[in-house]
Protein backbone atom coordinates (compact mmCIF):
# COMPACT_ATOMS: atom_id res chain seq x y z
CA MET A 1 -2.15 3.04 -25.10
CA THR A 2 -3.47 0.21 -22.90
CA PRO A 3 -4.17 0.84 -19.22
CA ARG A 4 -1.22 -1.42 -18.33
CA GLU A 5 1.14 0.54 -20.51
CA ARG A 6 -0.28 3.84 -19.24
CA VAL A 7 0.34 2.96 -15.59
CA LYS A 8 3.83 1.64 -16.28
CA ARG A 9 4.76 4.76 -18.22
CA ALA A 10 3.46 7.01 -15.45
CA VAL A 11 5.33 5.07 -12.76
CA LEU A 12 8.59 4.97 -14.74
CA PHE A 13 8.36 8.58 -16.00
CA LYS A 14 8.16 7.50 -19.64
CA GLY A 15 5.29 9.65 -20.85
CA PRO A 16 1.76 8.23 -20.50
CA ASP A 17 -0.97 9.49 -22.82
CA ARG A 18 -2.94 10.73 -19.80
CA ILE A 19 -2.91 10.57 -15.99
CA PRO A 20 -3.81 7.01 -14.91
CA TRP A 21 -6.62 6.76 -12.38
CA ASP A 22 -8.33 4.42 -9.95
CA LEU A 23 -11.74 5.99 -9.31
CA PRO A 24 -15.35 4.99 -8.57
CA GLU A 25 -17.11 2.80 -11.13
CA ARG A 26 -18.66 5.72 -13.02
CA TRP A 27 -15.18 6.98 -13.97
CA GLY A 28 -13.43 3.62 -14.13
CA SER A 29 -9.95 2.38 -13.31
CA ASP A 30 -6.75 1.46 -15.11
CA PHE A 31 -6.19 -1.23 -12.46
CA LEU A 32 -7.30 -4.74 -11.62
CA HIS A 33 -6.85 -5.40 -7.90
CA VAL A 34 -6.14 -8.98 -6.81
CA GLY A 35 -4.79 -10.78 -3.77
CA CYS A 36 -3.67 -14.15 -2.48
CA GLY A 37 -6.44 -16.45 -1.33
CA PRO A 38 -6.53 -18.25 2.03
CA ASP A 39 -4.79 -21.55 2.63
CA PRO A 40 -7.55 -24.03 1.69
CA ASP A 41 -6.33 -26.53 4.30
CA TRP A 42 -6.09 -24.13 7.23
CA GLN A 43 -8.79 -24.22 9.92
CA PRO A 44 -9.08 -21.48 12.57
CA LYS A 45 -9.28 -22.53 16.20
CA VAL A 46 -11.68 -19.66 16.87
CA GLN A 47 -14.30 -18.30 14.45
CA THR A 48 -17.25 -16.16 15.61
CA ASP A 49 -18.59 -12.75 14.58
CA THR A 50 -16.72 -11.05 17.40
CA ARG A 51 -13.65 -13.27 17.89
CA TRP A 52 -11.55 -15.07 15.29
CA GLU A 53 -8.08 -16.38 14.49
CA ASP A 54 -6.10 -15.44 11.40
CA GLU A 55 -3.62 -17.67 9.55
CA TRP A 56 -0.73 -16.26 11.56
CA GLY A 57 -2.27 -17.46 14.83
CA CYS A 58 -3.34 -14.00 16.00
CA ILE A 59 -6.71 -13.77 17.79
CA TRP A 60 -8.84 -10.76 16.81
CA GLU A 61 -11.79 -9.34 18.72
CA ARG A 62 -14.39 -6.64 18.25
CA LEU A 63 -17.55 -5.57 20.06
CA PRO A 64 -20.97 -6.78 18.85
CA GLY A 65 -22.15 -4.59 15.99
CA ASP A 66 -18.69 -3.12 15.42
CA LYS A 67 -17.93 -2.86 11.69
CA THR A 68 -14.19 -2.22 12.05
CA MET A 69 -11.45 -4.80 11.62
CA GLY A 70 -11.22 -5.16 15.40
CA GLN A 71 -7.94 -5.56 17.26
CA VAL A 72 -5.57 -8.37 18.14
CA THR A 73 -5.93 -9.57 21.73
CA TYR A 74 -3.69 -12.64 21.51
CA HIS A 75 -0.17 -12.34 20.10
CA PRO A 76 1.35 -15.75 19.27
CA LEU A 77 4.94 -14.47 19.50
CA ASP A 78 4.60 -12.36 22.63
CA ASP A 79 7.79 -14.09 23.77
CA TYR A 80 10.64 -14.77 21.33
CA SER A 81 11.18 -18.16 22.97
CA LYS A 82 8.12 -19.25 20.97
CA LEU A 83 9.73 -18.40 17.61
CA SER A 84 11.55 -21.72 17.15
CA GLY A 85 8.28 -23.67 17.31
CA TYR A 86 6.12 -21.17 15.46
CA ILE A 87 4.53 -22.33 12.20
CA PHE A 88 4.36 -19.60 9.56
CA PRO A 89 1.56 -19.55 6.95
CA ASP A 90 2.33 -21.55 3.82
CA TYR A 91 2.40 -19.33 0.75
CA GLU A 92 3.97 -21.98 -1.49
CA ASP A 93 0.58 -23.57 -2.17
CA LYS A 94 -0.47 -22.67 -5.71
CA ARG A 95 -4.13 -23.04 -4.79
CA ARG A 96 -3.86 -19.64 -3.09
CA TYR A 97 -3.30 -18.05 -6.48
CA GLU A 98 -6.06 -19.66 -8.56
CA ASN A 99 -8.27 -16.54 -8.56
CA ILE A 100 -5.33 -14.36 -9.61
CA LYS A 101 -4.61 -16.75 -12.46
CA LYS A 102 -8.25 -16.48 -13.55
CA VAL A 103 -8.31 -12.67 -13.37
CA VAL A 104 -5.05 -12.31 -15.31
CA GLY A 105 -6.29 -14.74 -17.95
CA GLU A 106 -9.52 -12.76 -18.42
CA ASN A 107 -7.84 -9.34 -18.51
CA ARG A 108 -9.11 -8.46 -21.97
CA ASP A 109 -8.84 -4.72 -21.37
CA GLU A 110 -5.11 -5.04 -20.61
CA LYS A 111 -5.46 -3.36 -17.24
CA PHE A 112 -2.55 -3.09 -14.81
CA VAL A 113 -2.81 -6.05 -12.41
CA LEU A 114 -1.88 -4.97 -8.89
CA ALA A 115 -1.60 -7.75 -6.30
CA GLY A 116 -1.75 -7.31 -2.56
CA ILE A 117 1.02 -9.14 -0.69
CA PRO A 118 1.50 -9.81 3.07
CA LEU A 119 4.43 -7.36 3.41
CA SER A 120 2.97 -5.47 6.34
CA LEU A 121 6.14 -5.30 8.38
CA ILE A 122 5.28 -3.05 11.30
CA HIS A 123 1.61 -4.03 11.47
CA ARG A 124 2.25 -7.76 11.24
CA LEU A 125 4.95 -7.35 13.89
CA GLU A 126 2.41 -5.60 16.13
CA TYR A 127 -0.06 -8.44 15.60
CA LEU A 128 2.52 -11.14 16.30
CA ARG A 129 4.40 -9.46 19.16
CA GLY A 130 2.04 -6.83 20.58
CA HIS A 131 2.09 -3.08 20.10
CA GLU A 132 4.63 -2.14 22.75
CA ALA A 133 6.99 -4.98 21.85
CA ALA A 134 6.90 -4.12 18.14
CA TRP A 135 8.20 -0.61 18.80
CA THR A 136 10.78 -1.57 21.44
CA ASP A 137 12.19 -4.69 19.76
CA PRO A 138 14.82 -2.70 17.79
CA TYR A 139 16.33 -1.69 21.13
CA LEU A 140 15.67 -4.76 23.30
CA TYR A 141 15.73 -7.72 20.89
CA PRO A 142 17.49 -6.61 17.69
CA GLU A 143 18.80 -10.06 16.71
CA GLU A 144 15.49 -11.83 17.26
CA LEU A 145 13.65 -9.05 15.43
CA ASP A 146 16.02 -9.34 12.48
CA LYS A 147 15.33 -13.07 12.17
CA LEU A 148 11.57 -12.61 12.37
CA LEU A 149 11.51 -9.83 9.77
CA ASP A 150 13.72 -11.88 7.47
CA ARG A 151 11.25 -14.74 7.69
CA ILE A 152 8.37 -12.42 6.77
CA CYS A 153 10.43 -11.09 3.86
CA ASP A 154 11.18 -14.63 2.66
CA ILE A 155 7.45 -15.39 2.62
CA ASN A 156 6.86 -12.34 0.44
CA ILE A 157 9.63 -13.34 -1.94
CA THR A 158 7.86 -16.68 -2.33
CA VAL A 159 4.63 -14.81 -3.08
CA ILE A 160 6.37 -12.65 -5.68
CA GLU A 161 7.78 -15.73 -7.38
CA ARG A 162 4.24 -17.08 -7.75
CA LEU A 163 2.89 -13.73 -8.95
CA ASP A 164 5.65 -13.45 -11.51
CA GLU A 165 4.66 -16.83 -12.96
CA LEU A 166 1.10 -15.50 -13.35
CA GLY A 167 2.02 -12.24 -15.08
CA VAL A 168 1.14 -9.76 -12.32
CA ASP A 169 2.36 -6.20 -13.00
CA GLY A 170 2.76 -4.76 -9.51
CA ILE A 171 2.70 -5.58 -5.79
CA PHE A 172 1.00 -3.55 -3.06
CA SER A 173 1.17 -3.54 0.74
CA CYS A 174 0.38 -1.23 3.66
CA ASP A 175 2.47 0.05 6.56
CA ASP A 176 1.44 3.25 8.35
CA TRP A 177 4.64 4.89 9.61
CA GLY A 178 3.45 8.39 10.43
CA LEU A 179 1.57 10.35 13.04
CA GLN A 180 -0.01 13.63 11.98
CA ASN A 181 3.16 15.68 12.31
CA ARG A 182 6.07 13.29 12.74
CA LEU A 183 7.33 9.79 12.10
CA MET A 184 6.46 7.06 14.61
CA VAL A 185 10.08 5.96 14.82
CA LYS A 186 13.41 7.75 14.66
CA PRO A 187 14.49 8.01 11.00
CA GLU A 188 17.91 6.56 11.80
CA VAL A 189 16.28 3.51 13.43
CA TRP A 190 13.95 3.10 10.46
CA ASN A 191 16.90 3.23 8.06
CA GLN A 192 18.89 0.75 10.11
CA VAL A 193 16.15 -1.81 10.85
CA TRP A 194 13.35 -1.49 8.31
CA LYS A 195 14.86 -0.12 5.14
CA PRO A 196 17.00 -3.26 4.45
CA LYS A 197 13.89 -5.45 4.71
CA TYR A 198 11.94 -3.42 2.18
CA LYS A 199 15.03 -3.41 -0.02
CA LYS A 200 15.26 -7.20 0.14
CA VAL A 201 11.70 -7.65 -1.12
CA TYR A 202 11.44 -4.70 -3.50
CA SER A 203 14.75 -5.41 -5.22
CA PHE A 204 13.64 -8.99 -5.83
CA ALA A 205 10.34 -7.78 -7.28
CA ARG A 206 12.04 -5.29 -9.57
CA SER A 207 14.46 -8.00 -10.75
CA LYS A 208 11.32 -9.73 -12.05
CA GLY A 209 10.03 -6.58 -13.73
CA ILE A 210 7.30 -6.14 -11.10
CA LEU A 211 6.60 -2.59 -9.90
CA THR A 212 6.38 -1.87 -6.17
CA PHE A 213 3.58 0.06 -4.41
CA LEU A 214 3.28 0.96 -0.71
CA HIS A 215 0.50 2.67 1.21
CA SER A 216 1.61 4.66 4.22
CA CYS A 217 -0.34 7.33 6.10
CA GLY A 218 0.69 10.28 8.21
CA TYR A 219 3.83 12.41 8.19
CA ILE A 220 6.27 10.10 6.39
CA ILE A 221 8.49 12.55 4.53
CA ASP A 222 11.53 11.49 6.61
CA ILE A 223 11.53 7.95 5.16
CA LEU A 224 10.69 8.66 1.52
CA GLU A 225 14.34 8.93 0.53
CA GLY A 226 14.99 5.58 2.20
CA LEU A 227 12.05 4.01 0.41
CA ILE A 228 13.38 5.26 -2.93
CA GLU A 229 16.76 3.72 -2.09
CA ALA A 230 14.92 0.51 -1.16
CA ASP A 231 13.51 0.33 -4.72
CA LEU A 232 9.97 1.53 -4.04
CA ASN A 233 8.28 2.80 -7.21
CA VAL A 234 4.97 4.19 -5.96
CA ILE A 235 3.89 5.72 -2.65
CA GLN A 236 0.15 5.69 -2.02
CA MET A 237 -0.56 8.50 0.43
CA ASP A 238 -4.01 9.74 1.39
CA GLN A 239 -2.59 12.79 3.19
CA GLN A 240 -0.26 15.33 1.64
CA GLU A 241 -1.11 18.68 3.21
CA ASN A 242 0.65 17.85 6.49
CA MET A 243 3.94 17.57 4.55
CA GLY A 244 3.23 20.06 1.78
CA VAL A 245 2.52 19.13 -1.82
CA GLU A 246 5.13 21.55 -3.13
CA VAL A 247 7.77 20.21 -0.71
CA LEU A 248 7.04 16.62 -1.69
CA SER A 249 7.23 17.51 -5.37
CA ARG A 250 10.46 19.47 -5.02
CA ARG A 251 12.24 16.77 -3.03
CA PHE A 252 10.92 13.57 -4.62
CA GLY A 253 9.15 14.43 -7.87
CA GLY A 254 10.55 12.51 -10.83
CA ARG A 255 12.03 9.84 -8.54
CA LEU A 256 8.93 8.50 -6.79
CA CYS A 257 5.46 8.17 -8.29
CA PHE A 258 2.62 9.50 -6.11
CA TRP A 259 -0.77 7.73 -6.04
CA CYS A 260 -3.18 10.04 -4.24
CA PRO A 261 -6.70 11.30 -3.71
CA VAL A 262 -7.36 14.84 -2.64
CA ASP A 263 -6.14 15.04 0.98
CA ILE A 264 -8.72 12.97 2.87
CA GLN A 265 -8.46 14.74 6.24
CA ASN A 266 -8.31 18.35 5.13
CA THR A 267 -9.54 19.59 1.75
CA MET A 268 -11.95 16.68 1.19
CA VAL A 269 -13.54 17.40 4.59
CA ARG A 270 -13.16 21.14 5.16
CA GLY A 271 -12.89 22.50 1.62
CA THR A 272 -15.60 23.57 -0.79
CA VAL A 273 -16.35 21.70 -3.99
CA GLU A 274 -14.24 24.24 -5.89
CA ASP A 275 -11.41 23.80 -3.35
CA VAL A 276 -11.49 20.08 -4.12
CA ARG A 277 -11.26 20.74 -7.86
CA ARG A 278 -8.32 23.13 -7.38
CA TYR A 279 -6.51 20.65 -5.16
CA ALA A 280 -7.00 17.84 -7.70
CA ARG A 281 -5.37 20.00 -10.37
CA LYS A 282 -2.62 20.93 -7.92
CA LEU A 283 -1.75 17.26 -7.35
CA ILE A 284 -1.48 16.63 -11.09
CA ASP A 285 0.64 19.74 -11.63
CA ALA A 286 2.96 18.99 -8.72
CA PHE A 287 3.56 15.26 -9.18
CA GLY A 288 2.66 14.59 -12.82
CA SER A 289 5.01 17.12 -14.40
CA PHE A 290 7.94 14.72 -14.72
CA ASN A 291 6.82 12.94 -17.88
CA GLY A 292 4.71 10.88 -15.49
CA GLY A 293 4.78 10.59 -11.71
CA PHE A 294 1.14 10.79 -10.63
CA ILE A 295 -1.79 8.38 -10.40
CA ALA A 296 -5.22 9.69 -9.37
CA LYS A 297 -7.19 7.82 -6.71
CA TRP A 298 -10.28 8.07 -4.57
CA TYR A 299 -10.71 7.02 -0.94
CA PRO A 300 -12.97 3.94 -1.11
CA SER A 301 -14.29 4.24 2.48
CA PRO A 302 -15.67 7.79 2.34
CA GLU A 303 -18.03 7.39 5.30
CA GLY A 304 -15.15 7.21 7.80
CA PRO A 305 -13.62 10.67 7.21
CA GLY A 306 -16.99 12.13 6.17
CA HIS A 307 -16.54 12.66 2.42
CA THR A 308 -19.68 13.79 0.62
CA TRP A 309 -20.54 12.58 -2.86
CA ASP A 310 -20.58 16.06 -4.35
CA LYS A 311 -16.89 16.39 -3.42
CA ILE A 312 -16.07 12.86 -4.58
CA GLU A 313 -17.71 13.66 -7.91
CA ALA A 314 -15.86 16.99 -8.17
CA MET A 315 -12.52 15.30 -7.45
CA SER A 316 -13.13 12.46 -9.90
CA ASP A 317 -14.42 14.77 -12.63
CA GLU A 318 -11.40 17.05 -12.27
CA PHE A 319 -8.93 14.16 -12.26
CA VAL A 320 -10.48 12.85 -15.48
CA ARG A 321 -11.03 16.18 -17.22
CA TYR A 322 -7.71 17.79 -16.39
CA GLY A 323 -5.79 14.52 -16.29
CA SER A 324 -6.96 13.53 -19.79
CA SER A 325 -5.49 16.63 -21.38
CA PHE A 326 -2.49 17.18 -19.13
CA TYR A 327 0.13 15.58 -21.39
CA LYS A 328 -1.44 17.01 -24.52
CA ASN A 329 -0.87 20.64 -23.51
């Protein structure tokens, strides 16, 4: 079974030969990760180590020596009166996709090609409008918000059309919707405002045979049903303990594929090496027992949460050892 077929079978609950994984180089990956390149004709108005403009016209800043992504200090759509004259990034240009074309053409190992797309709805809205405006727009400017989100969705549909031409297998984006113990927005507001936008993009992707992946952190259990209804295939969550692995499995197992490392804020930090191994097996048992349904992952920025390499090795070893035999038992 090729890695591409293995991932697809796991996502669609069609019986992979083993658990797919996306782990450090020593253990390997069933994935090839790609993304759209920059507009070759675009020139930022500001470009220094501590202050720069992105293609959407947002100005980012960070302190000298800061290694984080920084934060947006200028929001080009801080007033909706600016929307009519705003120029959105051009994702029609095929030059953006030349590297993806190269990677797909050289994919001799038949890995699953997962492409990042700019479908960051709440985060992009925060960057364009400002943090407070992004969360109050559903109440204060619902019509304007709807138009802006539709435009972002249309851009992503254009991207998916290009990716489909190149033979990409899946699309991936990030939107963090949860705090530690609750959703950031009322579930009914999320279902009314945000769910239709995901549905618009994900349904188009699935009409092309492209699988849909979303990363979202925090306590997001209240929107998982809506994401399933919006045609999401895979949820990439780095935390599970705050919602309960057994609860997630009972409510969504067999309908949503889970792509997870051992919980990055709890067991991977506070647990012993043996705790990490047990938790890795627990994830496979809980989510992978539906003729598929689980993909193993590591957290590729381990310094941030304080993951030690002995625990990373224990997690990866257990995912590979137990995951290789799981469907053979």
